Structure formats: structure tokens, C-alpha cells
Amino acid sequence: MRKENQSVEQLTHGLLEELQLKRYGKDTLNNYRRILKNLALYMQLMKYLRILPKSGKPLLRNTFPLMK
């Protein structure tokens, strides 16, 4: 399967498999899982922000203060 057609979950799984093959430690793999999960959630949120009415953006800014 070509990479541009793979889902975020498939790419994450593939990366974690590669890191396991390179003998990354359990804690390091868990850190990667956590970071990649948060990145996927952030990407989803940003996708929805594009279609959110302007009135909803202040609510999100208060909920996620680092967002612009």
C-alpha cells in the first residue's frame, strides 16, 4: 500500500513495529505511542476547526490555550 493512502493508525503501527525491530525500549515505545496518539487527536481537531463557525473558536482557545 502506498504511504499517502495509509491511515494515521497504519502509519503509527508501522513506525512502532520498526522501532521494536530496532530494539527500542518499552518506555520509549510507550512515549512514542502517547505522542503519536496526541498528534492524531490534534490533527483531527485542526480538521474540524476549519469547518467550525467563528463563534466556536473562542471556546476552543479557552480549552486549548496554546492554539491560535
C-alpha atoms as a PDB file:
ATOM      1  CA  MET A   1       0.000   0.000   0.000  1.00  0.00           C
ATOM      2  CA  ARG A   2       1.336   3.450  -0.878  1.00  0.00           C
ATOM      3  CA  LYS A   3       2.081   5.630   2.126  1.00  0.00           C
ATOM      4  CA  GLU A   4      -0.166   8.524   1.042  1.00  0.00           C
ATOM      5  CA  ASN A   5      -3.128   6.128   1.091  1.00  0.00           C
ATOM      6  CA  GLN A   6      -2.415   4.759   4.565  1.00  0.00           C
ATOM      7  CA  SER A   7      -4.325   5.895   7.612  1.00  0.00           C
ATOM      8  CA  VAL A   8      -2.644   7.557  10.566  1.00  0.00           C
ATOM      9  CA  GLU A   9      -3.239   4.368  12.556  1.00  0.00           C
ATOM     10  CA  GLN A  10      -1.499   2.227   9.920  1.00  0.00           C
ATOM     11  CA  LEU A  11       1.474   4.589   9.759  1.00  0.00           C
ATOM     12  CA  THR A  12       1.720   4.679  13.560  1.00  0.00           C
ATOM     13  CA  HIS A  13       1.614   0.890  13.740  1.00  0.00           C
ATOM     14  CA  GLY A  14       4.304   0.610  11.063  1.00  0.00           C
ATOM     15  CA  LEU A  15       6.571   3.094  12.850  1.00  0.00           C
ATOM     16  CA  LEU A  16       6.185   1.314  16.179  1.00  0.00           C
ATOM     17  CA  GLU A  17       6.979  -2.034  14.529  1.00  0.00           C
ATOM     18  CA  GLU A  18      10.160  -0.551  13.052  1.00  0.00           C
ATOM     19  CA  LEU A  19      11.188   0.835  16.429  1.00  0.00           C
ATOM     20  CA  GLN A  20      10.590  -2.572  18.046  1.00  0.00           C
ATOM     21  CA  LEU A  21      12.786  -4.203  15.421  1.00  0.00           C
ATOM     22  CA  LYS A  22      15.499  -1.699  16.299  1.00  0.00           C
ATOM     23  CA  ARG A  23      15.109  -2.807  19.927  1.00  0.00           C
ATOM     24  CA  TYR A  24      13.781   0.440  21.338  1.00  0.00           C
ATOM     25  CA  GLY A  25      12.838   0.062  24.994  1.00  0.00           C
ATOM     26  CA  LYS A  26       9.308  -0.436  26.311  1.00  0.00           C
ATOM     27  CA  ASP A  27       9.182   3.029  27.903  1.00  0.00           C
ATOM     28  CA  THR A  28      10.398   4.684  24.722  1.00  0.00           C
ATOM     29  CA  LEU A  29       7.785   2.849  22.662  1.00  0.00           C
ATOM     30  CA  ASN A  30       5.079   3.908  25.119  1.00  0.00           C
ATOM     31  CA  ASN A  31       6.242   7.522  24.825  1.00  0.00           C
ATOM     32  CA  TYR A  32       6.021   7.295  21.034  1.00  0.00           C
ATOM     33  CA  ARG A  33       2.523   5.787  21.304  1.00  0.00           C
ATOM     34  CA  ARG A  34       1.387   8.620  23.570  1.00  0.00           C
ATOM     35  CA  ILE A  35       2.906  11.346  21.402  1.00  0.00           C
ATOM     36  CA  LEU A  36       1.521   9.894  18.174  1.00  0.00           C
ATOM     37  CA  LYS A  37      -1.937   9.479  19.717  1.00  0.00           C
ATOM     38  CA  ASN A  38      -1.923  13.117  20.815  1.00  0.00           C
ATOM     39  CA  LEU A  39      -0.712  14.190  17.386  1.00  0.00           C
ATOM     40  CA  ALA A  40      -3.543  12.275  15.710  1.00  0.00           C
ATOM     41  CA  LEU A  41      -6.076  13.913  18.038  1.00  0.00           C
ATOM     42  CA  TYR A  42      -4.583  17.337  17.324  1.00  0.00           C
ATOM     43  CA  MET A  43      -4.775  16.703  13.580  1.00  0.00           C
ATOM     44  CA  GLN A  44      -8.436  15.728  13.914  1.00  0.00           C
ATOM     45  CA  LEU A  45      -9.162  18.850  15.929  1.00  0.00           C
ATOM     46  CA  MET A  46      -7.453  21.061  13.361  1.00  0.00           C
ATOM     47  CA  LYS A  47      -9.517  19.439  10.604  1.00  0.00           C
ATOM     48  CA  TYR A  48     -12.710  20.290  12.477  1.00  0.00           C
ATOM     49  CA  LEU A  49     -11.532  23.813  13.254  1.00  0.00           C
ATOM     50  CA  ARG A  50     -11.605  24.633   9.560  1.00  0.00           C
ATOM     51  CA  ILE A  51     -15.353  23.960   9.441  1.00  0.00           C
ATOM     52  CA  LEU A  52     -16.195  25.386  12.873  1.00  0.00           C
ATOM     53  CA  PRO A  53     -18.143  28.667  12.918  1.00  0.00           C
ATOM     54  CA  LYS A  54     -16.169  31.653  14.206  1.00  0.00           C
ATOM     55  CA  SER A  55     -18.265  31.709  17.400  1.00  0.00           C
ATOM     56  CA  GLY A  56     -16.849  28.319  18.422  1.00  0.00           C
ATOM     57  CA  LYS A  57     -13.195  29.318  18.165  1.00  0.00           C
ATOM     58  CA  PRO A  58     -13.041  31.290  21.454  1.00  0.00           C
ATOM     59  CA  LEU A  59     -14.369  28.231  23.287  1.00  0.00           C
ATOM     60  CA  LEU A  60     -11.636  26.076  21.778  1.00  0.00           C
ATOM     61  CA  ARG A  61      -8.976  28.681  22.542  1.00  0.00           C
ATOM     62  CA  ASN A  62     -10.021  28.631  26.199  1.00  0.00           C
ATOM     63  CA  THR A  63      -9.997  24.826  26.214  1.00  0.00           C
ATOM     64  CA  PHE A  64      -6.691  24.538  24.334  1.00  0.00           C
ATOM     65  CA  PRO A  65      -4.801  27.756  25.202  1.00  0.00           C
ATOM     66  CA  LEU A  66      -1.767  27.011  23.009  1.00  0.00           C
ATOM     67  CA  MET A  67      -3.894  27.019  19.859  1.00  0.00           C
ATOM     68  CA  LYS A  68      -4.074  30.161  17.750  1.00  0.00           C
END
